[in-house]
Amino acid sequence: MPIDFNPNIFYINNNKPYLQDVVKTTFFNGSNVSDTFTKSVKVDNKNISSSFDGIHIGKRDFGTVEKNGETATLYTITNKNGASVELSTFGATIVSIKVPDKNGNLIDVTQGYNSVTPYEKSPIGHAGGTIGPCANKINHGKFKIGDKEYTLECNKDNGQTHSHGGKEGFDVKNWKAEVLKDGVKFTYYKKDMEGGYPANVKTSVTYKFDNDNNLSVRYEAQTDADTILNLTNHSYFNLDGEQNTNENSVMEHVVELPNSSKYTPVNEIAIPTGEIKSVENTDFDFTSPKRLSEMNQLGYDQNFVVDNYDGKSLVHIAKVKSDKSGIVLDVSTDLPGFQFYTANNLGKDSQPAGKSGKKYEKHSAFCVEPQFFPDAINTFDEKPILKKGDKFSRNIVYSFSLD
């Protein structure tokens, strides 16, 4: 099934949003969408405020992008219960997500930084950023569209692979922002051959945060020529709070990947072999809940295949919970796979201090990154090609609750 059709996703939101494995009904406001917008948006140099069924949106300066002198802006979406999401124009990045723990305290469950500078100067780990034009790896940085071959910068594995859009990927671009009634829409215009990728592409990422602590992410794009496009978000989660920066601090989290009975084996540089294998009797079997510390494998960086994928329906792909905080994260998507990653490469000497003033160490967080398979353009039948005249539209939903 091609990447380039519009899935028209709908989903019903409630206190237990994942009663079915495949979700096919309405998402955004817990019922059929209705316009309850009661206050016009006021824009000035200090703030933007709006109200949409209890949702408030504000903004502040997030610092100056050194390479071009542009101002990065931080938007905060706060729901009627006080939970919030912070989003930066730089990289269309999730900077923080604050949700209540079992004691009613709001805690920030995503790693990130206090200004734009670390994101620009030390972009280790792509924290919270929008990854593109092509997420994950492309073997030797080479791919074909039709009969024409393209070669990208190889920025990973000692020059053997292209990864996450390269050094000038979408997560280090300063996007334009539009405040909506119930969220923020970021837009970036990629020029033809920018970063080695063909075509002029208009890409948007829309974030909406509702009163049930569901964060929806919608990716949309159009192109003036056939191109490659594979978008995801790279948030690092620690459900005990981002201040838990010590090595292995996420290893007591309990992980369930309920619709991933298969995975894609890889070679020594994490390029898929083209096989699709069962997770049964392997350390990749999270079809039932498993505590990370109890697994034989210390650390994960693996693409999982989504069962029941049809490109049209949201499938519940992950449930991760912390016994300490009581916070549960559920992830759903209409993409065919996802990378499950436990921050194996954090803790580098060059890494800046995070929001709490401490450096994030190895295995101090996990990522669930819905996307097309790594090196899919070269290896698998479903290739992330967006054709001229078609519209890309894919979705991720991060839902937070208590157990």
Protein backbone atom coordinates (compact mmCIF):
# COMPACT_ATOMS: atom_id res chain seq x y z
CA MET A 1 0.00 0.00 0.00
CA PRO A 2 1.57 3.32 -1.02
CA ILE A 3 2.49 6.06 1.38
CA ASP A 4 0.68 8.78 -0.48
CA PHE A 5 -3.03 8.43 0.22
CA ASN A 6 -5.16 10.32 2.72
CA PRO A 7 -6.36 7.94 5.45
CA ASN A 8 -9.08 10.20 6.97
CA ILE A 9 -8.44 9.02 10.51
CA PHE A 10 -11.08 9.29 13.22
CA TYR A 11 -10.92 8.16 16.82
CA ILE A 12 -13.18 8.28 19.89
CA ASN A 13 -11.54 9.51 23.04
CA ASN A 14 -12.56 8.38 26.52
CA ASN A 15 -11.08 7.43 29.85
CA LYS A 16 -10.08 4.01 28.51
CA PRO A 17 -9.31 4.80 24.89
CA TYR A 18 -7.94 1.46 23.79
CA LEU A 19 -10.75 -1.03 24.23
CA GLN A 20 -10.06 -2.23 20.69
CA ASP A 21 -6.77 -3.07 19.02
CA VAL A 22 -7.69 -1.19 15.87
CA VAL A 23 -9.34 2.19 16.40
CA LYS A 24 -11.55 3.42 13.58
CA THR A 25 -13.71 6.18 15.04
CA THR A 26 -13.32 9.88 15.87
CA PHE A 27 -10.36 11.27 17.81
CA PHE A 28 -9.92 14.93 18.40
CA ASN A 29 -12.44 16.09 21.00
CA GLY A 30 -13.96 13.00 22.55
CA SER A 31 -17.03 13.26 20.33
CA ASN A 32 -17.92 14.41 16.86
CA VAL A 33 -15.95 17.56 16.18
CA SER A 34 -17.94 20.71 16.92
CA ASP A 35 -16.84 24.32 16.92
CA THR A 36 -16.95 25.53 20.52
CA PHE A 37 -14.36 28.23 19.94
CA THR A 38 -15.52 31.17 22.03
CA LYS A 39 -12.66 33.66 22.02
CA SER A 40 -10.76 35.07 19.07
CA VAL A 41 -7.01 34.65 19.01
CA LYS A 42 -5.06 37.72 20.09
CA VAL A 43 -1.58 38.03 18.68
CA ASP A 44 1.14 40.37 19.91
CA ASN A 45 4.83 40.22 20.75
CA LYS A 46 4.18 38.85 24.23
CA ASN A 47 1.62 36.12 24.03
CA ILE A 48 -1.08 34.32 22.15
CA SER A 49 -4.08 33.13 24.10
CA SER A 50 -7.13 31.25 23.01
CA SER A 51 -9.77 28.96 24.43
CA PHE A 52 -11.21 25.87 22.83
CA ASP A 53 -13.34 23.79 25.17
CA GLY A 54 -10.98 24.59 28.04
CA ILE A 55 -7.78 24.48 25.97
CA HIS A 56 -5.47 27.51 26.31
CA ILE A 57 -2.48 28.29 24.12
CA GLY A 58 0.34 30.67 25.04
CA LYS A 59 3.72 31.52 23.58
CA ARG A 60 7.08 32.91 24.61
CA ASP A 61 10.52 33.56 23.16
CA PHE A 62 12.70 30.42 23.13
CA GLY A 63 15.93 32.08 22.00
CA THR A 64 17.71 33.01 18.79
CA VAL A 65 18.73 30.54 16.10
CA GLU A 66 22.39 31.37 15.62
CA LYS A 67 22.77 30.26 12.01
CA ASN A 68 20.16 32.68 10.64
CA GLY A 69 19.24 35.06 13.48
CA GLU A 70 15.62 33.93 13.53
CA THR A 71 13.67 33.78 16.77
CA ALA A 72 12.56 30.39 18.02
CA THR A 73 9.18 30.44 19.73
CA LEU A 74 7.83 28.11 22.39
CA TYR A 75 4.08 27.42 22.41
CA THR A 76 2.31 25.91 25.41
CA ILE A 77 -1.01 24.07 25.07
CA THR A 78 -2.67 23.71 28.49
CA ASN A 79 -5.86 21.76 29.04
CA LYS A 80 -8.59 22.51 31.59
CA ASN A 81 -6.93 20.19 34.14
CA GLY A 82 -3.56 21.97 34.00
CA ALA A 83 -1.70 19.31 31.99
CA SER A 84 0.35 20.84 29.20
CA VAL A 85 2.52 20.33 26.14
CA GLU A 86 5.34 22.69 25.10
CA LEU A 87 6.26 22.92 21.42
CA SER A 88 9.15 24.76 19.75
CA THR A 89 9.19 26.18 16.25
CA PHE A 90 12.77 24.92 16.01
CA GLY A 91 12.36 21.40 14.70
CA ALA A 92 8.58 21.46 15.34
CA THR A 93 9.79 19.89 18.58
CA ILE A 94 8.00 18.53 21.63
CA VAL A 95 9.94 20.20 24.46
CA SER A 96 7.86 18.99 27.41
CA ILE A 97 4.72 17.07 28.31
CA LYS A 98 3.43 17.61 31.85
CA VAL A 99 0.79 15.21 33.11
CA PRO A 100 -0.39 14.20 36.61
CA ASP A 101 1.12 11.25 38.47
CA LYS A 102 -0.84 9.00 40.84
CA ASN A 103 -0.45 11.57 43.64
CA GLY A 104 -1.89 14.37 41.53
CA ASN A 105 1.44 16.09 40.94
CA LEU A 106 2.20 17.36 37.44
CA ILE A 107 5.49 15.95 36.19
CA ASP A 108 7.37 16.46 32.93
CA VAL A 109 7.75 13.08 31.23
CA THR A 110 9.86 14.12 28.22
CA GLN A 111 13.54 14.98 27.98
CA GLY A 112 14.52 18.32 26.48
CA TYR A 113 16.24 21.66 26.97
CA ASN A 114 15.45 25.14 28.31
CA SER A 115 16.26 27.14 25.16
CA VAL A 116 16.82 26.66 21.46
CA THR A 117 20.63 26.76 21.76
CA PRO A 118 21.24 23.11 22.82
CA TYR A 119 18.86 21.89 20.11
CA GLU A 120 20.84 23.80 17.49
CA LYS A 121 24.43 23.43 18.71
CA SER A 122 24.31 19.96 20.31
CA PRO A 123 21.49 18.07 18.59
CA ILE A 124 22.39 14.73 20.19
CA GLY A 125 19.51 12.30 20.04
CA HIS A 126 17.11 14.57 18.11
CA ALA A 127 15.18 15.09 21.37
CA GLY A 128 11.48 15.63 20.67
CA GLY A 129 12.11 16.75 17.10
CA THR A 130 10.19 16.16 13.90
CA ILE A 131 12.37 13.75 11.94
CA GLY A 132 12.54 14.05 8.17
CA PRO A 133 12.63 14.14 5.25
CA CYS A 134 13.34 10.46 5.88
CA ALA A 135 13.38 8.98 9.37
CA ASN A 136 15.78 6.18 10.28
CA LYS A 137 18.52 4.81 8.04
CA ILE A 138 19.15 4.62 4.32
CA ASN A 139 21.91 2.18 3.41
CA HIS A 140 24.92 3.96 1.85
CA GLY A 141 22.69 7.05 1.57
CA LYS A 142 21.51 5.87 -1.86
CA PHE A 143 18.02 5.37 -3.26
CA LYS A 144 16.17 5.43 -6.55
CA ILE A 145 12.94 7.06 -7.63
CA GLY A 146 12.09 5.64 -11.01
CA ASP A 147 15.34 5.32 -12.93
CA LYS A 148 17.11 8.18 -11.17
CA GLU A 149 19.49 7.49 -8.29
CA TYR A 150 20.08 9.97 -5.48
CA THR A 151 22.96 10.06 -3.01
CA LEU A 152 22.62 11.61 0.45
CA GLU A 153 25.15 12.56 3.09
CA CYS A 154 26.16 9.52 5.17
CA ASN A 155 26.17 10.83 8.73
CA LYS A 156 26.03 7.54 10.65
CA ASP A 157 27.97 4.29 11.08
CA ASN A 158 31.32 5.73 10.00
CA GLY A 159 29.95 6.99 6.72
CA GLN A 160 27.98 3.88 5.80
CA THR A 161 24.43 5.16 6.32
CA HIS A 162 22.28 8.24 6.09
CA SER A 163 20.17 8.71 9.23
CA HIS A 164 17.20 10.89 10.24
CA GLY A 165 17.52 13.37 7.38
CA GLY A 166 21.21 14.04 7.92
CA LYS A 167 22.84 17.00 9.62
CA GLU A 168 20.33 19.38 8.05
CA GLY A 169 17.19 17.38 8.75
CA PHE A 170 13.78 18.79 9.64
CA ASP A 171 14.55 18.77 13.38
CA VAL A 172 17.14 21.56 12.96
CA LYS A 173 14.93 23.84 10.85
CA ASN A 174 12.92 26.73 12.28
CA TRP A 175 9.32 26.09 11.21
CA LYS A 176 6.51 28.61 10.75
CA ALA A 177 3.71 28.35 13.31
CA GLU A 178 -0.04 28.89 13.19
CA VAL A 179 -2.18 28.85 16.33
CA LEU A 180 -5.40 26.87 15.81
CA LYS A 181 -8.51 26.71 17.96
CA ASP A 182 -7.25 23.55 19.64
CA GLY A 183 -3.56 23.23 18.79
CA VAL A 184 -0.57 24.50 16.85
CA LYS A 185 0.30 23.81 13.22
CA PHE A 186 3.95 24.02 12.10
CA THR A 187 4.91 24.33 8.43
CA TYR A 188 8.23 23.99 6.64
CA TYR A 189 8.97 24.45 2.92
CA LYS A 190 11.82 22.22 1.76
CA LYS A 191 13.51 23.29 -1.45
CA ASP A 192 14.41 20.93 -4.27
CA MET A 193 17.66 19.03 -3.51
CA GLU A 194 17.92 20.53 -0.03
CA GLY A 195 19.93 17.97 1.93
CA GLY A 196 20.12 15.92 -1.28
CA TYR A 197 16.37 15.17 -1.34
CA PRO A 198 14.46 15.85 -4.58
CA ALA A 199 11.43 18.14 -5.02
CA ASN A 200 9.97 21.20 -3.36
CA VAL A 201 7.90 19.85 -0.47
CA LYS A 202 5.47 21.66 1.82
CA THR A 203 5.31 19.76 5.12
CA SER A 204 3.13 20.46 8.15
CA VAL A 205 2.94 18.99 11.63
CA THR A 206 -0.19 19.67 13.68
CA TYR A 207 -0.23 19.07 17.43
CA LYS A 208 -3.52 18.94 19.38
CA PHE A 209 -3.77 18.25 23.11
CA ASP A 210 -7.17 17.49 24.61
CA ASN A 211 -8.71 17.46 28.08
CA ASP A 212 -8.14 13.71 28.46
CA ASN A 213 -4.35 14.14 28.04
CA ASN A 214 -4.23 12.82 24.49
CA LEU A 215 -1.61 14.42 22.25
CA SER A 216 -2.34 13.91 18.56
CA VAL A 217 0.29 14.51 15.90
CA ARG A 218 -0.73 14.78 12.25
CA TYR A 219 1.81 14.90 9.42
CA GLU A 220 0.75 16.30 6.06
CA ALA A 221 2.78 17.06 2.94
CA GLN A 222 2.53 17.86 -0.76
CA THR A 223 5.26 17.83 -3.39
CA ASP A 224 5.85 19.20 -6.88
CA ALA A 225 7.73 16.05 -7.96
CA ASP A 226 8.08 12.45 -6.79
CA THR A 227 10.17 12.28 -3.63
CA ILE A 228 10.90 10.24 -0.53
CA LEU A 229 9.16 11.14 2.75
CA ASN A 230 9.08 9.34 6.08
CA LEU A 231 8.20 11.46 9.13
CA THR A 232 8.13 10.71 12.86
CA ASN A 233 8.63 12.25 16.28
CA HIS A 234 11.68 11.48 18.40
CA SER A 235 10.50 12.25 21.94
CA TYR A 236 12.39 10.65 24.82
CA PHE A 237 10.03 9.56 27.60
CA ASN A 238 10.67 8.81 31.26
CA LEU A 239 7.34 8.29 33.02
CA ASP A 240 8.95 8.92 36.41
CA GLY A 241 9.91 12.41 35.22
CA GLU A 242 12.65 13.82 33.00
CA GLN A 243 14.70 14.72 36.07
CA ASN A 244 15.49 11.01 36.43
CA THR A 245 18.59 11.32 34.28
CA ASN A 246 20.73 8.52 35.73
CA GLU A 247 21.83 5.58 33.61
CA ASN A 248 19.23 2.78 33.45
CA SER A 249 16.59 4.94 35.16
CA VAL A 250 13.95 3.80 32.66
CA MET A 251 14.64 0.09 33.04
CA GLU A 252 11.88 -0.50 35.61
CA HIS A 253 9.23 0.63 33.15
CA VAL A 254 6.83 -2.08 31.99
CA VAL A 255 6.45 -2.35 28.21
CA GLU A 256 3.72 -3.96 26.13
CA LEU A 257 3.68 -3.89 22.32
CA PRO A 258 0.32 -5.58 21.84
CA ASN A 259 0.17 -5.52 18.05
CA SER A 260 3.74 -6.39 17.16
CA SER A 261 4.06 -10.12 16.62
CA LYS A 262 6.84 -9.53 14.07
CA TYR A 263 10.03 -7.52 13.70
CA THR A 264 12.60 -6.76 11.01
CA PRO A 265 16.03 -8.38 11.67
CA VAL A 266 19.03 -6.18 10.91
CA ASN A 267 22.72 -6.50 10.06
CA GLU A 268 25.64 -5.21 12.11
CA ILE A 269 24.86 -1.55 11.27
CA ALA A 270 21.10 -1.89 11.88
CA ILE A 271 20.07 -2.06 8.23
CA PRO A 272 17.16 -4.51 7.78
CA THR A 273 17.99 -7.72 5.96
CA GLY A 274 14.57 -7.71 4.28
CA GLU A 275 13.27 -10.53 6.44
CA ILE A 276 10.20 -10.23 8.65
CA LYS A 277 10.32 -12.65 11.59
CA SER A 278 8.16 -13.62 14.52
CA VAL A 279 9.05 -12.19 17.94
CA GLU A 280 8.09 -15.48 19.60
CA ASN A 281 10.88 -16.88 21.78
CA THR A 282 13.02 -13.79 21.32
CA ASP A 283 13.88 -10.79 23.46
CA PHE A 284 11.67 -8.75 21.13
CA ASP A 285 8.47 -10.38 22.37
CA PHE A 286 6.49 -7.68 24.18
CA THR A 287 3.10 -8.97 23.12
CA SER A 288 2.48 -9.31 26.85
CA PRO A 289 3.80 -6.82 29.45
CA LYS A 290 7.51 -7.14 30.29
CA ARG A 291 9.69 -5.14 32.65
CA LEU A 292 12.75 -3.91 30.77
CA SER A 293 15.11 -4.86 33.62
CA GLU A 294 13.94 -8.46 33.40
CA MET A 295 14.84 -8.88 29.73
CA ASN A 296 18.05 -10.61 28.65
CA GLN A 297 18.82 -7.74 26.30
CA LEU A 298 20.02 -4.48 27.89
CA GLY A 299 18.85 -1.77 25.57
CA TYR A 300 16.68 -1.75 22.44
CA ASP A 301 16.92 -0.05 19.06
CA GLN A 302 14.60 -2.14 16.93
CA ASN A 303 11.94 -1.71 14.28
CA PHE A 304 8.71 -3.58 14.98
CA VAL A 305 6.03 -4.46 12.43
CA VAL A 306 2.48 -3.30 13.18
CA ASP A 307 -0.11 -6.07 13.05
CA ASN A 308 -3.46 -5.19 11.42
CA TYR A 309 -1.87 -2.29 9.56
CA ASP A 310 -3.92 -1.02 6.64
CA GLY A 311 -2.76 2.61 6.42
CA LYS A 312 -6.25 3.85 7.25
CA SER A 313 -6.88 2.88 10.88
CA LEU A 314 -5.13 3.84 14.08
CA VAL A 315 -3.61 0.74 15.66
CA HIS A 316 -2.63 0.61 19.34
CA ILE A 317 1.09 -0.18 19.17
CA ALA A 318 2.51 0.46 22.64
CA LYS A 319 1.59 0.64 26.30
CA VAL A 320 4.33 1.64 28.72
CA LYS A 321 3.76 2.23 32.42
CA SER A 322 5.66 3.19 35.53
CA ASP A 323 4.73 1.59 38.84
CA LYS A 324 6.42 4.47 40.65
CA SER A 325 4.46 7.34 39.13
CA GLY A 326 1.41 5.36 38.01
CA ILE A 327 1.59 7.07 34.61
CA VAL A 328 0.71 5.03 31.52
CA LEU A 329 1.61 6.04 27.96
CA ASP A 330 -0.36 4.48 25.10
CA VAL A 331 0.71 5.05 21.50
CA SER A 332 -1.41 4.56 18.39
CA THR A 333 -0.60 5.17 14.73
CA ASP A 334 -1.61 4.48 11.12
CA LEU A 335 2.01 3.86 10.09
CA PRO A 336 3.34 0.35 9.32
CA GLY A 337 6.14 0.13 11.87
CA PHE A 338 7.86 1.83 14.77
CA GLN A 339 11.31 2.04 16.27
CA PHE A 340 11.44 1.15 19.96
CA TYR A 341 14.58 2.71 21.40
CA THR A 342 15.93 2.92 24.94
CA ALA A 343 18.34 5.85 24.57
CA ASN A 344 21.37 3.59 24.14
CA ASN A 345 23.50 6.43 22.75
CA LEU A 346 22.84 9.13 25.32
CA GLY A 347 25.45 10.11 27.92
CA LYS A 348 28.05 11.47 25.51
CA ASP A 349 30.57 13.99 26.87
CA SER A 350 29.43 16.58 24.33
CA GLN A 351 25.83 16.36 25.45
CA PRO A 352 24.40 19.48 27.15
CA ALA A 353 22.54 19.50 30.46
CA GLY A 354 18.81 18.92 30.23
CA LYS A 355 15.90 20.90 31.65
CA SER A 356 16.65 19.82 35.23
CA GLY A 357 20.32 20.80 34.93
CA LYS A 358 21.71 17.28 34.55
CA LYS A 359 22.96 15.38 31.52
CA TYR A 360 20.70 12.61 30.27
CA GLU A 361 22.51 9.29 30.58
CA LYS A 362 22.21 6.03 28.66
CA HIS A 363 18.91 4.17 29.16
CA SER A 364 17.37 7.15 30.97
CA ALA A 365 14.43 7.24 28.53
CA PHE A 366 12.62 5.34 25.80
CA CYS A 367 11.26 6.31 22.39
CA VAL A 368 8.35 4.95 20.37
CA GLU A 369 8.82 6.29 16.83
CA PRO A 370 6.07 5.28 14.37
CA GLN A 371 7.35 5.35 10.79
CA PHE A 372 7.96 3.38 7.62
CA PHE A 373 10.54 0.64 8.00
CA PRO A 374 14.25 1.56 8.05
CA ASP A 375 15.75 1.58 4.54
CA ALA A 376 12.28 0.78 3.19
CA ILE A 377 13.07 2.64 -0.01
CA ASN A 378 15.68 -0.04 -0.84
CA THR A 379 14.54 -3.10 1.06
CA PHE A 380 10.75 -3.48 1.40
CA ASP A 381 7.75 -3.47 -0.92
CA GLU A 382 6.02 -0.51 0.71
CA LYS A 383 8.34 2.36 -0.09
CA PRO A 384 8.04 5.84 1.44
CA ILE A 385 7.52 7.62 -1.86
CA LEU A 386 5.26 10.66 -2.08
CA LYS A 387 4.17 11.26 -5.66
CA LYS A 388 3.49 14.57 -7.33
CA GLY A 389 -0.17 15.50 -6.93
CA ASP A 390 -0.77 13.18 -3.97
CA LYS A 391 -1.14 14.19 -0.34
CA PHE A 392 0.73 12.63 2.55
CA SER A 393 -1.32 12.34 5.75
CA ARG A 394 -0.32 10.14 8.68
CA ASN A 395 -0.96 10.24 12.42
CA ILE A 396 0.44 9.43 15.85
CA VAL A 397 -1.48 9.65 19.13
CA TYR A 398 0.25 9.72 22.53
CA SER A 399 -2.27 9.13 25.33
CA PHE A 400 -1.49 9.57 29.02
CA SER A 401 -3.51 8.02 31.84
CA LEU A 402 -3.08 6.52 35.31
CA ASP A 403 -3.01 2.92 36.44
